[in-house]
PDB file of all heavy atoms in Angstrom:
ATOM      1  N   VAL A   1     -14.035   2.356  14.405  1.00  0.00           N
ATOM      2  CA  VAL A   1     -14.850   2.072  13.216  1.00  0.00           C
ATOM      3  C   VAL A   1     -14.681   3.188  12.186  1.00  0.00           C
ATOM      4  O   VAL A   1     -14.515   2.923  10.985  1.00  0.00           O
ATOM      5  CB  VAL A   1     -16.336   1.876  13.598  1.00  0.00           C
ATOM      6  CG1 VAL A   1     -17.228   1.868  12.375  1.00  0.00           C
ATOM      7  CG2 VAL A   1     -16.507   0.585  14.395  1.00  0.00           C
ATOM      8  N   LEU A   2     -14.700   4.434  12.646  1.00  0.00           N
ATOM      9  CA  LEU A   2     -14.506   5.560  11.724  1.00  0.00           C
ATOM     10  C   LEU A   2     -13.121   5.525  11.087  1.00  0.00           C
ATOM     11  O   LEU A   2     -12.967   5.831   9.897  1.00  0.00           O
ATOM     12  CB  LEU A   2     -14.730   6.887  12.453  1.00  0.00           C
ATOM     13  CG  LEU A   2     -16.170   7.164  12.891  1.00  0.00           C
ATOM     14  CD1 LEU A   2     -16.238   8.432  13.745  1.00  0.00           C
ATOM     15  CD2 LEU A   2     -17.106   7.242  11.696  1.00  0.00           C
ATOM     16  N   LEU A   3     -12.110   5.127  11.849  1.00  0.00           N
ATOM     17  CA  LEU A   3     -10.758   5.006  11.292  1.00  0.00           C
ATOM     18  C   LEU A   3     -10.702   3.921  10.215  1.00  0.00           C
ATOM     19  O   LEU A   3     -10.062   4.113   9.175  1.00  0.00           O
ATOM     20  CB  LEU A   3      -9.747   4.707  12.399  1.00  0.00           C
ATOM     21  CG  LEU A   3      -9.380   5.878  13.303  1.00  0.00           C
ATOM     22  CD1 LEU A   3      -8.599   5.395  14.525  1.00  0.00           C
ATOM     23  CD2 LEU A   3      -8.584   6.919  12.531  1.00  0.00           C
ATOM     24  N   PHE A   4     -11.359   2.799  10.466  1.00  0.00           N
ATOM     25  CA  PHE A   4     -11.385   1.730   9.445  1.00  0.00           C
ATOM     26  C   PHE A   4     -12.082   2.216   8.180  1.00  0.00           C
ATOM     27  O   PHE A   4     -11.616   1.968   7.066  1.00  0.00           O
ATOM     28  CB  PHE A   4     -12.072   0.463   9.981  1.00  0.00           C
ATOM     29  CG  PHE A   4     -11.250  -0.293  10.981  1.00  0.00           C
ATOM     30  CD1 PHE A   4     -11.733  -0.531  12.251  1.00  0.00           C
ATOM     31  CD2 PHE A   4      -9.985  -0.760  10.666  1.00  0.00           C
ATOM     32  CE1 PHE A   4     -10.975  -1.214  13.189  1.00  0.00           C
ATOM     33  CE2 PHE A   4      -9.217  -1.450  11.587  1.00  0.00           C
ATOM     34  CZ  PHE A   4      -9.713  -1.680  12.858  1.00  0.00           C
ATOM     35  N   MET A   5     -13.179   2.913   8.358  1.00  0.00           N
ATOM     36  CA  MET A   5     -13.894   3.437   7.188  1.00  0.00           C
ATOM     37  C   MET A   5     -13.032   4.457   6.445  1.00  0.00           C
ATOM     38  O   MET A   5     -12.978   4.454   5.211  1.00  0.00           O
ATOM     39  CB  MET A   5     -15.223   4.056   7.624  1.00  0.00           C
ATOM     40  CG  MET A   5     -16.223   3.023   8.103  1.00  0.00           C
ATOM     41  SD  MET A   5     -17.711   3.681   8.899  1.00  0.00           S
ATOM     42  CE  MET A   5     -18.259   4.911   7.774  1.00  0.00           C
ATOM     43  N   ALA A   6     -12.321   5.298   7.193  1.00  0.00           N
ATOM     44  CA  ALA A   6     -11.482   6.330   6.575  1.00  0.00           C
ATOM     45  C   ALA A   6     -10.339   5.715   5.780  1.00  0.00           C
ATOM     46  O   ALA A   6     -10.056   6.154   4.649  1.00  0.00           O
ATOM     47  CB  ALA A   6     -10.933   7.273   7.645  1.00  0.00           C
ATOM     48  N   ILE A   7      -9.693   4.684   6.321  1.00  0.00           N
ATOM     49  CA  ILE A   7      -8.558   4.100   5.590  1.00  0.00           C
ATOM     50  C   ILE A   7      -9.051   3.340   4.358  1.00  0.00           C
ATOM     51  O   ILE A   7      -8.385   3.341   3.317  1.00  0.00           O
ATOM     52  CB  ILE A   7      -7.656   3.223   6.499  1.00  0.00           C
ATOM     53  CG1 ILE A   7      -6.302   2.955   5.812  1.00  0.00           C
ATOM     54  CG2 ILE A   7      -8.322   1.915   6.863  1.00  0.00           C
ATOM     55  CD1 ILE A   7      -5.455   4.156   5.551  1.00  0.00           C
ATOM     56  N   LEU A   8     -10.217   2.724   4.446  1.00  0.00           N
ATOM     57  CA  LEU A   8     -10.770   2.063   3.266  1.00  0.00           C
ATOM     58  C   LEU A   8     -11.144   3.092   2.202  1.00  0.00           C
ATOM     59  O   LEU A   8     -10.907   2.870   1.007  1.00  0.00           O
ATOM     60  CB  LEU A   8     -11.973   1.196   3.637  1.00  0.00           C
ATOM     61  CG  LEU A   8     -11.634  -0.087   4.394  1.00  0.00           C
ATOM     62  CD1 LEU A   8     -12.916  -0.766   4.878  1.00  0.00           C
ATOM     63  CD2 LEU A   8     -10.817  -1.040   3.529  1.00  0.00           C
ATOM     64  N   LEU A   9     -11.705   4.212   2.610  1.00  0.00           N
ATOM     65  CA  LEU A   9     -12.019   5.291   1.679  1.00  0.00           C
ATOM     66  C   LEU A   9     -10.732   5.829   1.047  1.00  0.00           C
ATOM     67  O   LEU A   9     -10.666   6.025  -0.168  1.00  0.00           O
ATOM     68  CB  LEU A   9     -12.779   6.416   2.391  1.00  0.00           C
ATOM     69  CG  LEU A   9     -13.124   7.633   1.548  1.00  0.00           C
ATOM     70  CD1 LEU A   9     -14.079   7.255   0.410  1.00  0.00           C
ATOM     71  CD2 LEU A   9     -13.740   8.719   2.420  1.00  0.00           C
ATOM     72  N   TYR A  10      -9.709   6.040   1.862  1.00  0.00           N
ATOM     73  CA  TYR A  10      -8.434   6.534   1.350  1.00  0.00           C
ATOM     74  C   TYR A  10      -7.832   5.549   0.348  1.00  0.00           C
ATOM     75  O   TYR A  10      -7.346   5.950  -0.708  1.00  0.00           O
ATOM     76  CB  TYR A  10      -7.463   6.783   2.512  1.00  0.00           C
ATOM     77  CG  TYR A  10      -6.168   7.420   2.077  1.00  0.00           C
ATOM     78  CD1 TYR A  10      -6.139   8.738   1.638  1.00  0.00           C
ATOM     79  CD2 TYR A  10      -4.976   6.708   2.109  1.00  0.00           C
ATOM     80  CE1 TYR A  10      -4.955   9.332   1.237  1.00  0.00           C
ATOM     81  CE2 TYR A  10      -3.792   7.297   1.704  1.00  0.00           C
ATOM     82  CZ  TYR A  10      -3.791   8.606   1.271  1.00  0.00           C
ATOM     83  OH  TYR A  10      -2.618   9.197   0.867  1.00  0.00           O
ATOM     84  N   LEU A  11      -7.892   4.255   0.687  1.00  0.00           N
ATOM     85  CA  LEU A  11      -7.387   3.250  -0.251  1.00  0.00           C
ATOM     86  C   LEU A  11      -8.187   3.286  -1.545  1.00  0.00           C
ATOM     87  O   LEU A  11      -7.614   3.198  -2.638  1.00  0.00           O
ATOM     88  CB  LEU A  11      -7.438   1.846   0.365  1.00  0.00           C
ATOM     89  CG  LEU A  11      -7.002   0.703  -0.548  1.00  0.00           C
ATOM     90  CD1 LEU A  11      -5.562   0.889  -1.020  1.00  0.00           C
ATOM     91  CD2 LEU A  11      -7.170  -0.635   0.170  1.00  0.00           C
ATOM     92  N   GLY A  12      -9.498   3.423  -1.434  1.00  0.00           N
ATOM     93  CA  GLY A  12     -10.336   3.510  -2.633  1.00  0.00           C
ATOM     94  C   GLY A  12      -9.967   4.696  -3.505  1.00  0.00           C
ATOM     95  O   GLY A  12      -9.912   4.585  -4.737  1.00  0.00           O
ATOM     96  N   ILE A  13      -9.681   5.818  -2.875  1.00  0.00           N
ATOM     97  CA  ILE A  13      -9.287   7.015  -3.621  1.00  0.00           C
ATOM     98  C   ILE A  13      -7.932   6.816  -4.286  1.00  0.00           C
ATOM     99  O   ILE A  13      -7.718   7.226  -5.432  1.00  0.00           O
ATOM    100  CB  ILE A  13      -9.271   8.248  -2.685  1.00  0.00           C
ATOM    101  CG1 ILE A  13     -10.699   8.611  -2.275  1.00  0.00           C
ATOM    102  CG2 ILE A  13      -8.573   9.439  -3.332  1.00  0.00           C
ATOM    103  CD1 ILE A  13     -10.779   9.600  -1.123  1.00  0.00           C
ATOM    104  N   GLN A  14      -7.022   6.160  -3.598  1.00  0.00           N
ATOM    105  CA  GLN A  14      -5.657   5.988  -4.109  1.00  0.00           C
ATOM    106  C   GLN A  14      -5.488   4.749  -4.993  1.00  0.00           C
ATOM    107  O   GLN A  14      -4.432   4.584  -5.622  1.00  0.00           O
ATOM    108  CB  GLN A  14      -4.659   5.895  -2.939  1.00  0.00           C
ATOM    109  CG  GLN A  14      -4.562   7.143  -2.112  1.00  0.00           C
ATOM    110  CD  GLN A  14      -3.932   8.294  -2.895  1.00  0.00           C
ATOM    111  OE1 GLN A  14      -3.401   8.131  -3.984  1.00  0.00           O
ATOM    112  NE2 GLN A  14      -4.003   9.484  -2.331  1.00  0.00           N
ATOM    113  N   TRP A  15      -6.486   3.867  -5.044  1.00  0.00           N
ATOM    114  CA  TRP A  15      -6.346   2.580  -5.717  1.00  0.00           C
ATOM    115  C   TRP A  15      -5.828   2.721  -7.156  1.00  0.00           C
ATOM    116  O   TRP A  15      -4.905   1.999  -7.555  1.00  0.00           O
ATOM    117  CB  TRP A  15      -7.667   1.820  -5.697  1.00  0.00           C
ATOM    118  CG  TRP A  15      -7.522   0.424  -6.204  1.00  0.00           C
ATOM    119  CD1 TRP A  15      -7.845  -0.046  -7.438  1.00  0.00           C
ATOM    120  CD2 TRP A  15      -6.981  -0.681  -5.485  1.00  0.00           C
ATOM    121  NE1 TRP A  15      -7.559  -1.389  -7.528  1.00  0.00           N
ATOM    122  CE2 TRP A  15      -7.019  -1.798  -6.338  1.00  0.00           C
ATOM    123  CE3 TRP A  15      -6.469  -0.847  -4.204  1.00  0.00           C
ATOM    124  CZ2 TRP A  15      -6.574  -3.060  -5.956  1.00  0.00           C
ATOM    125  CZ3 TRP A  15      -6.021  -2.095  -3.812  1.00  0.00           C
ATOM    126  CH2 TRP A  15      -6.068  -3.187  -4.690  1.00  0.00           C
ATOM    127  N   SER A  16      -6.403   3.614  -7.924  1.00  0.00           N
ATOM    128  CA  SER A  16      -5.981   3.744  -9.326  1.00  0.00           C
ATOM    129  C   SER A  16      -4.567   4.316  -9.440  1.00  0.00           C
ATOM    130  O   SER A  16      -3.888   4.094 -10.446  1.00  0.00           O
ATOM    131  CB  SER A  16      -6.963   4.616 -10.115  1.00  0.00           C
ATOM    132  OG  SER A  16      -6.998   5.916  -9.575  1.00  0.00           O
ATOM    133  N   ALA A  17      -4.095   5.023  -8.420  1.00  0.00           N
ATOM    134  CA  ALA A  17      -2.737   5.578  -8.447  1.00  0.00           C
ATOM    135  C   ALA A  17      -1.688   4.565  -7.993  1.00  0.00           C
ATOM    136  O   ALA A  17      -0.493   4.761  -8.240  1.00  0.00           O
ATOM    137  CB  ALA A  17      -2.668   6.824  -7.565  1.00  0.00           C
ATOM    138  N   LEU A  18      -2.139   3.483  -7.322  1.00  0.00           N
ATOM    139  CA  LEU A  18      -1.190   2.462  -6.869  1.00  0.00           C
ATOM    140  C   LEU A  18      -0.594   1.745  -8.079  1.00  0.00           C
ATOM    141  O   LEU A  18      -1.334   1.314  -8.968  1.00  0.00           O
ATOM    142  CB  LEU A  18      -1.870   1.428  -5.976  1.00  0.00           C
ATOM    143  CG  LEU A  18      -2.113   1.796  -4.525  1.00  0.00           C
ATOM    144  CD1 LEU A  18      -3.032   0.751  -3.881  1.00  0.00           C
ATOM    145  CD2 LEU A  18      -0.816   1.881  -3.759  1.00  0.00           C
ATOM    146  N   PRO A  19       0.729   1.587  -8.119  1.00  0.00           N
ATOM    147  CA  PRO A  19       1.308   0.800  -9.201  1.00  0.00           C
ATOM    148  C   PRO A  19       0.892  -0.664  -9.042  1.00  0.00           C
ATOM    149  O   PRO A  19       0.528  -1.105  -7.954  1.00  0.00           O
ATOM    150  CB  PRO A  19       2.819   0.978  -9.016  1.00  0.00           C
ATOM    151  CG  PRO A  19       3.016   1.571  -7.679  1.00  0.00           C
ATOM    152  CD  PRO A  19       1.720   2.140  -7.213  1.00  0.00           C
ATOM    153  N   SER A  20       0.952  -1.414 -10.135  1.00  0.00           N
ATOM    154  CA  SER A  20       0.544  -2.830 -10.060  1.00  0.00           C
ATOM    155  C   SER A  20       1.495  -3.628  -9.183  1.00  0.00           C
ATOM    156  O   SER A  20       1.105  -4.619  -8.582  1.00  0.00           O
ATOM    157  CB  SER A  20       0.455  -3.436 -11.460  1.00  0.00           C
ATOM    158  OG  SER A  20       1.709  -3.336 -12.107  1.00  0.00           O
ATOM    159  N   GLU A  21       2.743  -3.191  -9.085  1.00  0.00           N
ATOM    160  CA  GLU A  21       3.715  -3.846  -8.212  1.00  0.00           C
ATOM    161  C   GLU A  21       4.187  -2.816  -7.190  1.00  0.00           C
ATOM    162  O   GLU A  21       4.655  -1.738  -7.563  1.00  0.00           O
ATOM    163  CB  GLU A  21       4.898  -4.375  -9.029  1.00  0.00           C
ATOM    164  CG  GLU A  21       5.817  -5.259  -8.222  1.00  0.00           C
ATOM    165  CD  GLU A  21       6.879  -5.914  -9.088  1.00  0.00           C
ATOM    166  OE1 GLU A  21       7.793  -5.211  -9.531  1.00  0.00           O
ATOM    167  OE2 GLU A  21       6.775  -7.131  -9.284  1.00  0.00           O
ATOM    168  N   ILE A  22       4.026  -3.150  -5.922  1.00  0.00           N
ATOM    169  CA  ILE A  22       4.366  -2.206  -4.863  1.00  0.00           C
ATOM    170  C   ILE A  22       5.398  -2.825  -3.918  1.00  0.00           C
ATOM    171  O   ILE A  22       5.485  -4.052  -3.802  1.00  0.00           O
ATOM    172  CB  ILE A  22       3.117  -1.780  -4.064  1.00  0.00           C
ATOM    173  CG1 ILE A  22       2.484  -2.987  -3.373  1.00  0.00           C
ATOM    174  CG2 ILE A  22       2.119  -1.060  -4.935  1.00  0.00           C
ATOM    175  CD1 ILE A  22       1.391  -2.647  -2.397  1.00  0.00           C
ATOM    176  N   PRO A  23       6.156  -1.976  -3.230  1.00  0.00           N
ATOM    177  CA  PRO A  23       7.096  -2.513  -2.235  1.00  0.00           C
ATOM    178  C   PRO A  23       6.328  -3.068  -1.041  1.00  0.00           C
ATOM    179  O   PRO A  23       5.426  -2.417  -0.520  1.00  0.00           O
ATOM    180  CB  PRO A  23       7.945  -1.303  -1.847  1.00  0.00           C
ATOM    181  CG  PRO A  23       7.141  -0.113  -2.228  1.00  0.00           C
ATOM    182  CD  PRO A  23       6.234  -0.526  -3.346  1.00  0.00           C
ATOM    183  N   ILE A  24       6.667  -4.296  -0.651  1.00  0.00           N
ATOM    184  CA  ILE A  24       5.978  -4.906   0.496  1.00  0.00           C
ATOM    185  C   ILE A  24       6.948  -5.264   1.619  1.00  0.00           C
ATOM    186  O   ILE A  24       6.528  -5.702   2.678  1.00  0.00           O
ATOM    187  CB  ILE A  24       5.161  -6.146   0.083  1.00  0.00           C
ATOM    188  CG1 ILE A  24       6.044  -7.243  -0.467  1.00  0.00           C
ATOM    189  CG2 ILE A  24       4.061  -5.765  -0.887  1.00  0.00           C
ATOM    190  CD1 ILE A  24       5.347  -8.576  -0.657  1.00  0.00           C
ATOM    191  N   HIS A  25       8.238  -5.096   1.362  1.00  0.00           N
ATOM    192  CA  HIS A  25       9.226  -5.356   2.416  1.00  0.00           C
ATOM    193  C   HIS A  25      10.352  -4.352   2.271  1.00  0.00           C
ATOM    194  O   HIS A  25      10.724  -3.990   1.156  1.00  0.00           O
ATOM    195  CB  HIS A  25       9.776  -6.784   2.323  1.00  0.00           C
ATOM    196  CG  HIS A  25      10.578  -7.164   3.519  1.00  0.00           C
ATOM    197  ND1 HIS A  25      11.937  -6.980   3.585  1.00  0.00           N
ATOM    198  CD2 HIS A  25      10.203  -7.691   4.709  1.00  0.00           C
ATOM    199  CE1 HIS A  25      12.369  -7.390   4.770  1.00  0.00           C
ATOM    200  NE2 HIS A  25      11.333  -7.820   5.467  1.00  0.00           N
ATOM    201  N   PHE A  26      10.863  -3.913   3.408  1.00  0.00           N
ATOM    202  CA  PHE A  26      11.905  -2.901   3.419  1.00  0.00           C
ATOM    203  C   PHE A  26      13.044  -3.363   4.311  1.00  0.00           C
ATOM    204  O   PHE A  26      12.808  -4.015   5.338  1.00  0.00           O
ATOM    205  CB  PHE A  26      11.333  -1.577   3.942  1.00  0.00           C
ATOM    206  CG  PHE A  26      10.209  -1.045   3.101  1.00  0.00           C
ATOM    207  CD1 PHE A  26       8.907  -1.505   3.268  1.00  0.00           C
ATOM    208  CD2 PHE A  26      10.441  -0.097   2.130  1.00  0.00           C
ATOM    209  CE1 PHE A  26       7.865  -1.038   2.492  1.00  0.00           C
ATOM    210  CE2 PHE A  26       9.416   0.391   1.338  1.00  0.00           C
ATOM    211  CZ  PHE A  26       8.119  -0.080   1.514  1.00  0.00           C
ATOM    212  N   ASP A  27      14.291  -3.033   3.912  1.00  0.00           N
ATOM    213  CA  ASP A  27      15.436  -3.381   4.749  1.00  0.00           C
ATOM    214  C   ASP A  27      15.561  -2.395   5.909  1.00  0.00           C
ATOM    215  O   ASP A  27      14.735  -1.489   6.053  1.00  0.00           O
ATOM    216  CB  ASP A  27      16.725  -3.477   3.922  1.00  0.00           C
ATOM    217  CG  ASP A  27      17.159  -2.140   3.323  1.00  0.00           C
ATOM    218  OD1 ASP A  27      16.693  -1.081   3.785  1.00  0.00           O
ATOM    219  OD2 ASP A  27      17.985  -2.159   2.389  1.00  0.00           O
ATOM    220  N   GLU A  28      16.601  -2.581   6.720  1.00  0.00           N
ATOM    221  CA  GLU A  28      16.753  -1.746   7.918  1.00  0.00           C
ATOM    222  C   GLU A  28      16.990  -0.269   7.608  1.00  0.00           C
ATOM    223  O   GLU A  28      16.797   0.589   8.462  1.00  0.00           O
ATOM    224  CB  GLU A  28      17.887  -2.283   8.809  1.00  0.00           C
ATOM    225  CG  GLU A  28      19.266  -2.239   8.172  1.00  0.00           C
ATOM    226  CD  GLU A  28      19.561  -3.402   7.214  1.00  0.00           C
ATOM    227  OE1 GLU A  28      18.771  -4.346   7.104  1.00  0.00           O
ATOM    228  OE2 GLU A  28      20.601  -3.337   6.568  1.00  0.00           O
ATOM    229  N   THR A  29      17.379   0.049   6.384  1.00  0.00           N
ATOM    230  CA  THR A  29      17.584   1.452   6.003  1.00  0.00           C
ATOM    231  C   THR A  29      16.320   2.062   5.403  1.00  0.00           C
ATOM    232  O   THR A  29      16.301   3.237   5.072  1.00  0.00           O
ATOM    233  CB  THR A  29      18.738   1.591   4.992  1.00  0.00           C
ATOM    234  OG1 THR A  29      18.381   0.935   3.775  1.00  0.00           O
ATOM    235  CG2 THR A  29      20.029   1.019   5.550  1.00  0.00           C
ATOM    236  N   GLY A  30      15.278   1.264   5.218  1.00  0.00           N
ATOM    237  CA  GLY A  30      14.032   1.763   4.637  1.00  0.00           C
ATOM    238  C   GLY A  30      13.937   1.562   3.139  1.00  0.00           C
ATOM    239  O   GLY A  30      12.956   1.975   2.520  1.00  0.00           O
ATOM    240  N   LYS A  31      14.935   0.907   2.557  1.00  0.00           N
ATOM    241  CA  LYS A  31      14.934   0.666   1.112  1.00  0.00           C
ATOM    242  C   LYS A  31      14.103  -0.588   0.803  1.00  0.00           C
ATOM    243  O   LYS A  31      14.241  -1.622   1.466  1.00  0.00           O
ATOM    244  CB  LYS A  31      16.366   0.478   0.609  1.00  0.00           C
ATOM    245  CG  LYS A  31      16.456   0.317  -0.882  1.00  0.00           C
ATOM    246  CD  LYS A  31      17.895   0.176  -1.326  1.00  0.00           C
ATOM    247  CE  LYS A  31      17.907  -0.074  -2.832  1.00  0.00           C
ATOM    248  NZ  LYS A  31      19.226  -0.481  -3.290  1.00  0.00           N
ATOM    249  N   ALA A  32      13.243  -0.476  -0.201  1.00  0.00           N
ATOM    250  CA  ALA A  32      12.397  -1.608  -0.581  1.00  0.00           C
ATOM    251  C   ALA A  32      13.270  -2.764  -1.081  1.00  0.00           C
ATOM    252  O   ALA A  32      14.166  -2.575  -1.901  1.00  0.00           O
ATOM    253  CB  ALA A  32      11.411  -1.196  -1.656  1.00  0.00           C
ATOM    254  N   ASP A  33      13.002  -3.964  -0.556  1.00  0.00           N
ATOM    255  CA  ASP A  33      13.733  -5.146  -1.018  1.00  0.00           C
ATOM    256  C   ASP A  33      12.804  -6.335  -1.278  1.00  0.00           C
ATOM    257  O   ASP A  33      13.238  -7.449  -1.454  1.00  0.00           O
ATOM    258  CB  ASP A  33      14.851  -5.524  -0.050  1.00  0.00           C
ATOM    259  CG  ASP A  33      14.346  -5.931   1.332  1.00  0.00           C
ATOM    260  OD1 ASP A  33      13.117  -5.889   1.554  1.00  0.00           O
ATOM    261  OD2 ASP A  33      15.172  -6.286   2.183  1.00  0.00           O
ATOM    262  N   GLY A  34      11.493  -6.081  -1.306  1.00  0.00           N
ATOM    263  CA  GLY A  34      10.511  -7.099  -1.641  1.00  0.00           C
ATOM    264  C   GLY A  34       9.324  -6.441  -2.321  1.00  0.00           C
ATOM    265  O   GLY A  34       8.950  -5.321  -1.970  1.00  0.00           O
ATOM    266  N   TRP A  35       8.737  -7.114  -3.289  1.00  0.00           N
ATOM    267  CA  TRP A  35       7.677  -6.523  -4.090  1.00  0.00           C
ATOM    268  C   TRP A  35       6.492  -7.469  -4.176  1.00  0.00           C
ATOM    269  O   TRP A  35       6.642  -8.686  -4.080  1.00  0.00           O
ATOM    270  CB  TRP A  35       8.204  -6.194  -5.495  1.00  0.00           C
ATOM    271  CG  TRP A  35       9.362  -5.260  -5.435  1.00  0.00           C
ATOM    272  CD1 TRP A  35      10.685  -5.603  -5.277  1.00  0.00           C
ATOM    273  CD2 TRP A  35       9.318  -3.838  -5.466  1.00  0.00           C
ATOM    274  NE1 TRP A  35      11.455  -4.474  -5.214  1.00  0.00           N
ATOM    275  CE2 TRP A  35      10.645  -3.373  -5.334  1.00  0.00           C
ATOM    276  CE3 TRP A  35       8.300  -2.904  -5.594  1.00  0.00           C
ATOM    277  CZ2 TRP A  35      10.978  -2.036  -5.325  1.00  0.00           C
ATOM    278  CZ3 TRP A  35       8.626  -1.568  -5.601  1.00  0.00           C
ATOM    279  CH2 TRP A  35       9.948  -1.137  -5.463  1.00  0.00           C
ATOM    280  N   GLY A  36       5.303  -6.891  -4.341  1.00  0.00           N
ATOM    281  CA  GLY A  36       4.097  -7.689  -4.480  1.00  0.00           C
ATOM    282  C   GLY A  36       3.014  -6.884  -5.176  1.00  0.00           C
ATOM    283  O   GLY A  36       3.209  -5.718  -5.531  1.00  0.00           O
ATOM    284  N   GLY A  37       1.852  -7.498  -5.328  1.00  0.00           N
ATOM    285  CA  GLY A  37       0.734  -6.838  -5.979  1.00  0.00           C
ATOM    286  C   GLY A  37       0.089  -5.789  -5.083  1.00  0.00           C
ATOM    287  O   GLY A  37       0.233  -5.816  -3.862  1.00  0.00           O
ATOM    288  N   LYS A  38      -0.641  -4.872  -5.694  1.00  0.00           N
ATOM    289  CA  LYS A  38      -1.260  -3.791  -4.913  1.00  0.00           C
ATOM    290  C   LYS A  38      -2.361  -4.285  -3.982  1.00  0.00           C
ATOM    291  O   LYS A  38      -2.715  -3.611  -3.028  1.00  0.00           O
ATOM    292  CB  LYS A  38      -1.744  -2.664  -5.810  1.00  0.00           C
ATOM    293  CG  LYS A  38      -2.883  -2.973  -6.758  1.00  0.00           C
ATOM    294  CD  LYS A  38      -3.173  -1.727  -7.579  1.00  0.00           C
ATOM    295  CE  LYS A  38      -4.329  -1.893  -8.510  1.00  0.00           C
ATOM    296  NZ  LYS A  38      -4.597  -0.640  -9.242  1.00  0.00           N
ATOM    297  N   GLY A  39      -2.867  -5.467  -4.231  1.00  0.00           N
ATOM    298  CA  GLY A  39      -3.856  -6.057  -3.328  1.00  0.00           C
ATOM    299  C   GLY A  39      -3.296  -6.310  -1.932  1.00  0.00           C
ATOM    300  O   GLY A  39      -4.060  -6.483  -0.976  1.00  0.00           O
ATOM    301  N   PHE A  40      -1.967  -6.314  -1.809  1.00  0.00           N
ATOM    302  CA  PHE A  40      -1.333  -6.497  -0.501  1.00  0.00           C
ATOM    303  C   PHE A  40      -1.752  -5.400   0.472  1.00  0.00           C
ATOM    304  O   PHE A  40      -1.746  -5.613   1.685  1.00  0.00           O
ATOM    305  CB  PHE A  40       0.196  -6.533  -0.649  1.00  0.00           C
ATOM    306  CG  PHE A  40       0.918  -6.924   0.601  1.00  0.00           C
ATOM    307  CD1 PHE A  40       0.969  -8.245   1.000  1.00  0.00           C
ATOM    308  CD2 PHE A  40       1.543  -5.961   1.373  1.00  0.00           C
ATOM    309  CE1 PHE A  40       1.632  -8.609   2.161  1.00  0.00           C
ATOM    310  CE2 PHE A  40       2.200  -6.307   2.543  1.00  0.00           C
ATOM    311  CZ  PHE A  40       2.258  -7.643   2.930  1.00  0.00           C
TER     312      PHE A  40
END
């Protein structure tokens, strides 16, 4: 429960820094190859 609260707090702190479009899928080398909204 504390971990869930901590990650939600961290997301809240970082929310304004998140770009509107974020990488949501990565290839086998770790390079982003899919994009979506920050709500993901």
